[in-house]
Amino acid sequence: MGTVENHLIELLPRKERLRLLAVSELIALEPGDILCEPGKPIRHVYFPIDASISLMALIDGSPGVEVGMVGREGMLGGQVVLGVAIAPVHAVVQNPGTVQRISVSAFRSELACSPALLRGMHNYLYVRMAQMITSAACLRFHLIGPRLARWLLMSQDRAHSDHFRVTHEFLATMLGVRREGITAAASALQRDGLIEYRRGNLKVLDRPGLEAAACGCYAVEREAYAALL
């Protein structure tokens, strides 16, 4: 296909893809937009095209910590496939862009008449669970520097660009660490010539070097996704 599209939609047979797109609407999202809150009903599912969404776990009123990230490779609201329309996470837009938004009722109707969509969603739910398990272990056992490199790679994948805006405060929240730890880790990556970071503007200079600096969780997640999707 000539245009950029959500990968899960792109995998569908043409007839089923067009039918799904017919019940969706293309909308633009801005950084900071909140798409769902834990424990509350959802009205829509989202298939990002060039936006990225952070999935946050909120504990005892804290700012939370990121447990997943969704971009063109995935979707938000997969629990609907299980018959549940309650959000398990706080989902906030990380990078602006467009998404295909579909009402829960319309999505359920498509699941009922599209075996390919249902099969693809089952595979994606497994991949998402595997990624969250990896993220939990990464948060507990890996150092800030390799975790930061992994996060930057994940963000670059979803931004489809070597440039994106991100602050130290935002990174500290996403990784669940102190701002000073992010400053030290980002400075080390910059000294090694892997990134350039000035006033919230980040540029990846050496993608292979950044992959080498990242913890093994990045490769594990990519392999899990490629195996099923």
C-alpha atoms as a PDB file:
ATOM      1  CA  MET A   1       0.000   0.000   0.000  1.00  0.00           C
ATOM      2  CA  GLY A   2       1.297   3.441  -0.852  1.00  0.00           C
ATOM      3  CA  THR A   3       0.231   5.288   2.282  1.00  0.00           C
ATOM      4  CA  VAL A   4       1.263   4.776   5.894  1.00  0.00           C
ATOM      5  CA  GLU A   5      -1.289   2.655   7.719  1.00  0.00           C
ATOM      6  CA  ASN A   6      -1.658   0.887  11.017  1.00  0.00           C
ATOM      7  CA  HIS A   7       0.115  -2.457  10.710  1.00  0.00           C
ATOM      8  CA  LEU A   8      -2.674  -4.530  12.283  1.00  0.00           C
ATOM      9  CA  ILE A   9      -5.180  -3.085   9.805  1.00  0.00           C
ATOM     10  CA  GLU A  10      -2.695  -3.482   6.985  1.00  0.00           C
ATOM     11  CA  LEU A  11      -2.472  -7.242   7.660  1.00  0.00           C
ATOM     12  CA  LEU A  12      -6.192  -7.777   7.059  1.00  0.00           C
ATOM     13  CA  PRO A  13      -7.526  -9.099   3.730  1.00  0.00           C
ATOM     14  CA  ARG A  14      -8.609  -6.219   1.514  1.00  0.00           C
ATOM     15  CA  LYS A  15     -12.362  -6.727   1.971  1.00  0.00           C
ATOM     16  CA  GLU A  16     -12.138  -6.910   5.752  1.00  0.00           C
ATOM     17  CA  ARG A  17      -9.672  -4.019   5.902  1.00  0.00           C
ATOM     18  CA  LEU A  18     -11.981  -1.744   3.911  1.00  0.00           C
ATOM     19  CA  ARG A  19     -14.965  -2.745   6.044  1.00  0.00           C
ATOM     20  CA  LEU A  20     -13.080  -1.908   9.240  1.00  0.00           C
ATOM     21  CA  LEU A  21     -11.922   1.428   7.854  1.00  0.00           C
ATOM     22  CA  ALA A  22     -15.499   2.232   6.835  1.00  0.00           C
ATOM     23  CA  VAL A  23     -16.602   2.179  10.494  1.00  0.00           C
ATOM     24  CA  SER A  24     -13.565   4.135  11.717  1.00  0.00           C
ATOM     25  CA  GLU A  25     -12.771   7.822  11.777  1.00  0.00           C
ATOM     26  CA  LEU A  26      -9.372   9.405  11.261  1.00  0.00           C
ATOM     27  CA  ILE A  27      -8.593  11.834  14.086  1.00  0.00           C
ATOM     28  CA  ALA A  28      -5.552  13.804  15.222  1.00  0.00           C
ATOM     29  CA  LEU A  29      -4.129  13.432  18.725  1.00  0.00           C
ATOM     30  CA  GLU A  30      -2.010  15.924  20.644  1.00  0.00           C
ATOM     31  CA  PRO A  31       0.655  15.258  23.314  1.00  0.00           C
ATOM     32  CA  GLY A  32      -0.947  14.829  26.721  1.00  0.00           C
ATOM     33  CA  ASP A  33      -4.359  13.726  25.430  1.00  0.00           C
ATOM     34  CA  ILE A  34      -5.750  11.097  27.807  1.00  0.00           C
ATOM     35  CA  LEU A  35      -7.496   8.251  25.996  1.00  0.00           C
ATOM     36  CA  CYS A  36      -8.546   6.079  28.930  1.00  0.00           C
ATOM     37  CA  GLU A  37      -8.304   5.779  32.705  1.00  0.00           C
ATOM     38  CA  PRO A  38      -7.873   2.550  34.708  1.00  0.00           C
ATOM     39  CA  GLY A  39     -11.116   1.065  35.960  1.00  0.00           C
ATOM     40  CA  LYS A  40     -13.307   3.223  33.731  1.00  0.00           C
ATOM     41  CA  PRO A  41     -15.343   2.155  30.670  1.00  0.00           C
ATOM     42  CA  ILE A  42     -13.938   2.931  27.233  1.00  0.00           C
ATOM     43  CA  ARG A  43     -16.005   4.175  24.315  1.00  0.00           C
ATOM     44  CA  HIS A  44     -13.476   3.694  21.519  1.00  0.00           C
ATOM     45  CA  VAL A  45     -10.516   1.601  20.419  1.00  0.00           C
ATOM     46  CA  TYR A  46      -7.565   3.267  18.668  1.00  0.00           C
ATOM     47  CA  PHE A  47      -5.291   2.110  15.863  1.00  0.00           C
ATOM     48  CA  PRO A  48      -2.371   4.603  15.658  1.00  0.00           C
ATOM     49  CA  ILE A  49      -0.908   5.543  12.305  1.00  0.00           C
ATOM     50  CA  ASP A  50       1.839   8.002  13.219  1.00  0.00           C
ATOM     51  CA  ALA A  51       1.005   8.798  16.846  1.00  0.00           C
ATOM     52  CA  SER A  52       2.390   6.971  19.875  1.00  0.00           C
ATOM     53  CA  ILE A  53       0.640   6.278  23.165  1.00  0.00           C
ATOM     54  CA  SER A  54       2.173   5.553  26.563  1.00  0.00           C
ATOM     55  CA  LEU A  55       0.481   2.957  28.772  1.00  0.00           C
ATOM     56  CA  MET A  56       0.922   3.954  32.406  1.00  0.00           C
ATOM     57  CA  ALA A  57       0.403   2.059  35.666  1.00  0.00           C
ATOM     58  CA  LEU A  58      -0.775   4.417  38.407  1.00  0.00           C
ATOM     59  CA  ILE A  59      -0.049   3.434  42.010  1.00  0.00           C
ATOM     60  CA  ASP A  60      -1.192   5.304  45.147  1.00  0.00           C
ATOM     61  CA  GLY A  61      -1.553   8.670  43.440  1.00  0.00           C
ATOM     62  CA  SER A  62       1.953   8.631  41.958  1.00  0.00           C
ATOM     63  CA  PRO A  63       2.676  10.033  38.472  1.00  0.00           C
ATOM     64  CA  GLY A  64       2.893   6.383  37.387  1.00  0.00           C
ATOM     65  CA  VAL A  65       5.378   4.399  35.360  1.00  0.00           C
ATOM     66  CA  GLU A  66       5.213   3.315  31.740  1.00  0.00           C
ATOM     67  CA  VAL A  67       4.456  -0.376  31.231  1.00  0.00           C
ATOM     68  CA  GLY A  68       3.976  -0.283  27.476  1.00  0.00           C
ATOM     69  CA  MET A  69       3.951   1.841  24.360  1.00  0.00           C
ATOM     70  CA  VAL A  70       1.619   1.674  21.360  1.00  0.00           C
ATOM     71  CA  GLY A  71       2.256   2.998  17.878  1.00  0.00           C
ATOM     72  CA  ARG A  72       1.609   1.957  14.307  1.00  0.00           C
ATOM     73  CA  GLU A  73       2.433  -1.652  15.211  1.00  0.00           C
ATOM     74  CA  GLY A  74      -0.496  -2.047  17.605  1.00  0.00           C
ATOM     75  CA  MET A  75      -3.735  -0.727  19.031  1.00  0.00           C
ATOM     76  CA  LEU A  76      -5.310   0.527  22.242  1.00  0.00           C
ATOM     77  CA  GLY A  77      -8.381  -1.212  23.638  1.00  0.00           C
ATOM     78  CA  GLY A  78      -7.555  -4.845  22.923  1.00  0.00           C
ATOM     79  CA  GLN A  79      -9.379  -5.981  26.068  1.00  0.00           C
ATOM     80  CA  VAL A  80     -12.619  -5.552  24.096  1.00  0.00           C
ATOM     81  CA  VAL A  81     -11.706  -8.799  22.322  1.00  0.00           C
ATOM     82  CA  LEU A  82     -12.067 -10.515  25.713  1.00  0.00           C
ATOM     83  CA  GLY A  83     -15.515  -9.018  26.218  1.00  0.00           C
ATOM     84  CA  VAL A  84     -14.224  -6.364  28.630  1.00  0.00           C
ATOM     85  CA  ALA A  85     -14.706  -2.644  27.966  1.00  0.00           C
ATOM     86  CA  ILE A  86     -12.968  -1.450  31.154  1.00  0.00           C
ATOM     87  CA  ALA A  87      -9.544   0.155  30.798  1.00  0.00           C
ATOM     88  CA  PRO A  88      -6.665  -1.511  32.702  1.00  0.00           C
ATOM     89  CA  VAL A  89      -4.198   1.369  32.232  1.00  0.00           C
ATOM     90  CA  HIS A  90      -3.864   5.135  32.009  1.00  0.00           C
ATOM     91  CA  ALA A  91      -3.222   5.837  28.319  1.00  0.00           C
ATOM     92  CA  VAL A  92      -1.714   9.198  27.385  1.00  0.00           C
ATOM     93  CA  VAL A  93      -0.534  10.449  23.997  1.00  0.00           C
ATOM     94  CA  GLN A  94       3.245  10.661  23.875  1.00  0.00           C
ATOM     95  CA  ASN A  95       3.859  11.856  20.299  1.00  0.00           C
ATOM     96  CA  PRO A  96       1.202  13.665  18.244  1.00  0.00           C
ATOM     97  CA  GLY A  97      -0.254  12.174  15.110  1.00  0.00           C
ATOM     98  CA  THR A  98      -3.262  10.468  13.621  1.00  0.00           C
ATOM     99  CA  VAL A  99      -5.201   7.350  14.633  1.00  0.00           C
ATOM    100  CA  GLN A 100      -8.141   5.371  13.344  1.00  0.00           C
ATOM    101  CA  ARG A 101     -10.774   5.537  16.082  1.00  0.00           C
ATOM    102  CA  ILE A 102     -13.595   2.986  16.202  1.00  0.00           C
ATOM    103  CA  SER A 103     -16.485   2.803  18.634  1.00  0.00           C
ATOM    104  CA  VAL A 104     -16.535  -0.247  20.907  1.00  0.00           C
ATOM    105  CA  SER A 105     -19.875  -1.409  19.489  1.00  0.00           C
ATOM    106  CA  ALA A 106     -18.699  -1.145  15.880  1.00  0.00           C
ATOM    107  CA  PHE A 107     -15.437  -2.922  16.715  1.00  0.00           C
ATOM    108  CA  ARG A 108     -17.308  -5.772  18.377  1.00  0.00           C
ATOM    109  CA  SER A 109     -19.477  -6.136  15.283  1.00  0.00           C
ATOM    110  CA  GLU A 110     -16.395  -6.373  13.082  1.00  0.00           C
ATOM    111  CA  LEU A 111     -14.821  -8.963  15.388  1.00  0.00           C
ATOM    112  CA  ALA A 112     -17.959 -11.085  15.049  1.00  0.00           C
ATOM    113  CA  CYS A 113     -17.809 -11.194  11.258  1.00  0.00           C
ATOM    114  CA  SER A 114     -14.048 -11.040  10.559  1.00  0.00           C
ATOM    115  CA  PRO A 115     -12.051 -14.169  11.417  1.00  0.00           C
ATOM    116  CA  ALA A 116      -8.850 -12.471  10.245  1.00  0.00           C
ATOM    117  CA  LEU A 117      -9.393  -9.512  12.571  1.00  0.00           C
ATOM    118  CA  LEU A 118     -10.159 -11.795  15.511  1.00  0.00           C
ATOM    119  CA  ARG A 119      -7.081 -13.940  14.823  1.00  0.00           C
ATOM    120  CA  GLY A 120      -4.868 -10.874  14.489  1.00  0.00           C
ATOM    121  CA  MET A 121      -6.198  -9.430  17.731  1.00  0.00           C
ATOM    122  CA  HIS A 122      -5.585 -12.692  19.595  1.00  0.00           C
ATOM    123  CA  ASN A 123      -1.965 -12.659  18.397  1.00  0.00           C
ATOM    124  CA  TYR A 124      -1.577  -9.012  19.346  1.00  0.00           C
ATOM    125  CA  LEU A 125      -2.978  -9.562  22.836  1.00  0.00           C
ATOM    126  CA  TYR A 126      -0.406 -12.298  23.412  1.00  0.00           C
ATOM    127  CA  VAL A 127       2.390 -10.021  22.191  1.00  0.00           C
ATOM    128  CA  ARG A 128       1.152  -7.180  24.414  1.00  0.00           C
ATOM    129  CA  MET A 129       1.118  -9.463  27.475  1.00  0.00           C
ATOM    130  CA  ALA A 130       4.640 -10.656  26.675  1.00  0.00           C
ATOM    131  CA  GLN A 131       5.832  -7.057  26.283  1.00  0.00           C
ATOM    132  CA  MET A 132       4.337  -6.012  29.626  1.00  0.00           C
ATOM    133  CA  ILE A 133       6.017  -8.954  31.360  1.00  0.00           C
ATOM    134  CA  THR A 134       9.329  -7.916  29.818  1.00  0.00           C
ATOM    135  CA  SER A 135       8.775  -4.301  30.875  1.00  0.00           C
ATOM    136  CA  ALA A 136       8.110  -5.336  34.477  1.00  0.00           C
ATOM    137  CA  ALA A 137      11.332  -7.364  34.629  1.00  0.00           C
ATOM    138  CA  CYS A 138      13.264  -4.580  32.899  1.00  0.00           C
ATOM    139  CA  LEU A 139      12.038  -2.042  35.444  1.00  0.00           C
ATOM    140  CA  ARG A 140      13.241  -4.238  38.307  1.00  0.00           C
ATOM    141  CA  PHE A 141      16.583  -5.566  37.065  1.00  0.00           C
ATOM    142  CA  HIS A 142      18.140  -3.266  34.459  1.00  0.00           C
ATOM    143  CA  LEU A 143      20.128  -0.060  34.930  1.00  0.00           C
ATOM    144  CA  ILE A 144      18.842   3.351  33.850  1.00  0.00           C
ATOM    145  CA  GLY A 145      21.230   3.760  30.907  1.00  0.00           C
ATOM    146  CA  PRO A 146      20.265   0.572  29.016  1.00  0.00           C
ATOM    147  CA  ARG A 147      16.593   1.158  29.862  1.00  0.00           C
ATOM    148  CA  LEU A 148      16.787   4.691  28.491  1.00  0.00           C
ATOM    149  CA  ALA A 149      18.415   3.433  25.271  1.00  0.00           C
ATOM    150  CA  ARG A 150      15.614   0.867  24.914  1.00  0.00           C
ATOM    151  CA  TRP A 151      12.937   3.515  25.477  1.00  0.00           C
ATOM    152  CA  LEU A 152      14.487   5.827  22.888  1.00  0.00           C
ATOM    153  CA  LEU A 153      14.594   3.008  20.328  1.00  0.00           C
ATOM    154  CA  MET A 154      10.947   2.178  20.981  1.00  0.00           C
ATOM    155  CA  SER A 155      10.002   5.839  20.594  1.00  0.00           C
ATOM    156  CA  GLN A 156      11.998   6.196  17.394  1.00  0.00           C
ATOM    157  CA  ASP A 157      10.279   3.132  15.946  1.00  0.00           C
ATOM    158  CA  ARG A 158       6.882   4.677  16.564  1.00  0.00           C
ATOM    159  CA  ALA A 159       7.790   8.259  15.629  1.00  0.00           C
ATOM    160  CA  HIS A 160       9.186   7.103  12.254  1.00  0.00           C
ATOM    161  CA  SER A 161      11.812   9.817  12.607  1.00  0.00           C
ATOM    162  CA  ASP A 162      15.299  10.373  14.014  1.00  0.00           C
ATOM    163  CA  HIS A 163      14.000  13.519  15.757  1.00  0.00           C
ATOM    164  CA  PHE A 164      11.438  13.894  18.523  1.00  0.00           C
ATOM    165  CA  ARG A 165      10.737  16.156  21.478  1.00  0.00           C
ATOM    166  CA  VAL A 166      11.040  14.812  25.002  1.00  0.00           C
ATOM    167  CA  THR A 167      11.962  16.366  28.350  1.00  0.00           C
ATOM    168  CA  HIS A 168      14.003  14.936  31.225  1.00  0.00           C
ATOM    169  CA  GLU A 169      10.936  15.207  33.456  1.00  0.00           C
ATOM    170  CA  PHE A 170       8.854  13.162  31.029  1.00  0.00           C
ATOM    171  CA  LEU A 171      11.561  10.515  30.690  1.00  0.00           C
ATOM    172  CA  ALA A 172      11.894  10.282  34.470  1.00  0.00           C
ATOM    173  CA  THR A 173       8.151   9.643  34.780  1.00  0.00           C
ATOM    174  CA  MET A 174       8.121   7.073  31.980  1.00  0.00           C
ATOM    175  CA  LEU A 175      11.044   5.103  33.431  1.00  0.00           C
ATOM    176  CA  GLY A 176      10.050   5.568  37.079  1.00  0.00           C
ATOM    177  CA  VAL A 177      13.365   7.117  38.145  1.00  0.00           C
ATOM    178  CA  ARG A 178      14.690  10.439  39.438  1.00  0.00           C
ATOM    179  CA  ARG A 179      15.357  13.240  36.976  1.00  0.00           C
ATOM    180  CA  GLU A 180      19.053  13.240  37.970  1.00  0.00           C
ATOM    181  CA  GLY A 181      19.335   9.633  36.825  1.00  0.00           C
ATOM    182  CA  ILE A 182      17.929  10.521  33.411  1.00  0.00           C
ATOM    183  CA  THR A 183      20.295  13.485  33.103  1.00  0.00           C
ATOM    184  CA  ALA A 184      23.317  11.298  33.828  1.00  0.00           C
ATOM    185  CA  ALA A 185      22.195   8.497  31.474  1.00  0.00           C
ATOM    186  CA  ALA A 186      21.322  10.885  28.618  1.00  0.00           C
ATOM    187  CA  SER A 187      24.654  12.678  29.044  1.00  0.00           C
ATOM    188  CA  ALA A 188      26.503   9.365  28.754  1.00  0.00           C
ATOM    189  CA  LEU A 189      24.644   8.465  25.549  1.00  0.00           C
ATOM    190  CA  GLN A 190      25.442  11.902  24.166  1.00  0.00           C
ATOM    191  CA  ARG A 191      29.150  11.634  25.058  1.00  0.00           C
ATOM    192  CA  ASP A 192      29.262   8.310  23.220  1.00  0.00           C
ATOM    193  CA  GLY A 193      27.889  10.012  20.108  1.00  0.00           C
ATOM    194  CA  LEU A 194      24.663   7.986  20.090  1.00  0.00           C
ATOM    195  CA  ILE A 195      22.229  10.864  20.532  1.00  0.00           C
ATOM    196  CA  GLU A 196      22.114  14.652  20.412  1.00  0.00           C
ATOM    197  CA  TYR A 197      19.920  16.260  23.048  1.00  0.00           C
ATOM    198  CA  ARG A 198      19.290  19.997  23.436  1.00  0.00           C
ATOM    199  CA  ARG A 199      16.411  21.809  25.117  1.00  0.00           C
ATOM    200  CA  GLY A 200      13.976  18.943  24.776  1.00  0.00           C
ATOM    201  CA  ASN A 201      14.903  18.159  21.179  1.00  0.00           C
ATOM    202  CA  LEU A 202      16.408  14.704  20.782  1.00  0.00           C
ATOM    203  CA  LYS A 203      18.068  13.282  17.677  1.00  0.00           C
ATOM    204  CA  VAL A 204      19.279   9.703  17.262  1.00  0.00           C
ATOM    205  CA  LEU A 205      22.732   9.876  15.671  1.00  0.00           C
ATOM    206  CA  ASP A 206      23.838   6.241  15.810  1.00  0.00           C
ATOM    207  CA  ARG A 207      20.997   3.717  15.675  1.00  0.00           C
ATOM    208  CA  PRO A 208      23.219   0.580  15.738  1.00  0.00           C
ATOM    209  CA  GLY A 209      25.189   2.026  18.648  1.00  0.00           C
ATOM    210  CA  LEU A 210      21.984   2.786  20.539  1.00  0.00           C
ATOM    211  CA  GLU A 211      20.781  -0.789  19.967  1.00  0.00           C
ATOM    212  CA  ALA A 212      24.089  -2.072  21.362  1.00  0.00           C
ATOM    213  CA  ALA A 213      23.689   0.173  24.426  1.00  0.00           C
ATOM    214  CA  ALA A 214      20.105  -0.951  25.098  1.00  0.00           C
ATOM    215  CA  CYS A 215      19.227  -3.850  27.368  1.00  0.00           C
ATOM    216  CA  GLY A 216      18.262  -7.123  25.738  1.00  0.00           C
ATOM    217  CA  CYS A 217      14.559  -6.444  26.358  1.00  0.00           C
ATOM    218  CA  TYR A 218      14.348  -4.405  23.165  1.00  0.00           C
ATOM    219  CA  ALA A 219      15.423  -7.322  20.970  1.00  0.00           C
ATOM    220  CA  VAL A 220      13.208  -9.754  22.900  1.00  0.00           C
ATOM    221  CA  GLU A 221      10.122  -7.597  22.303  1.00  0.00           C
ATOM    222  CA  ARG A 222      10.850  -7.178  18.594  1.00  0.00           C
ATOM    223  CA  GLU A 223      11.334 -10.918  18.180  1.00  0.00           C
ATOM    224  CA  ALA A 224       8.040 -11.680  19.958  1.00  0.00           C
ATOM    225  CA  TYR A 225       6.188  -9.262  17.679  1.00  0.00           C
ATOM    226  CA  ALA A 226       7.826 -10.545  14.479  1.00  0.00           C
ATOM    227  CA  ALA A 227       7.055 -14.170  15.382  1.00  0.00           C
ATOM    228  CA  LEU A 228       3.293 -13.588  15.438  1.00  0.00           C
ATOM    229  CA  LEU A 229       2.663 -10.357  13.531  1.00  0.00           C
END
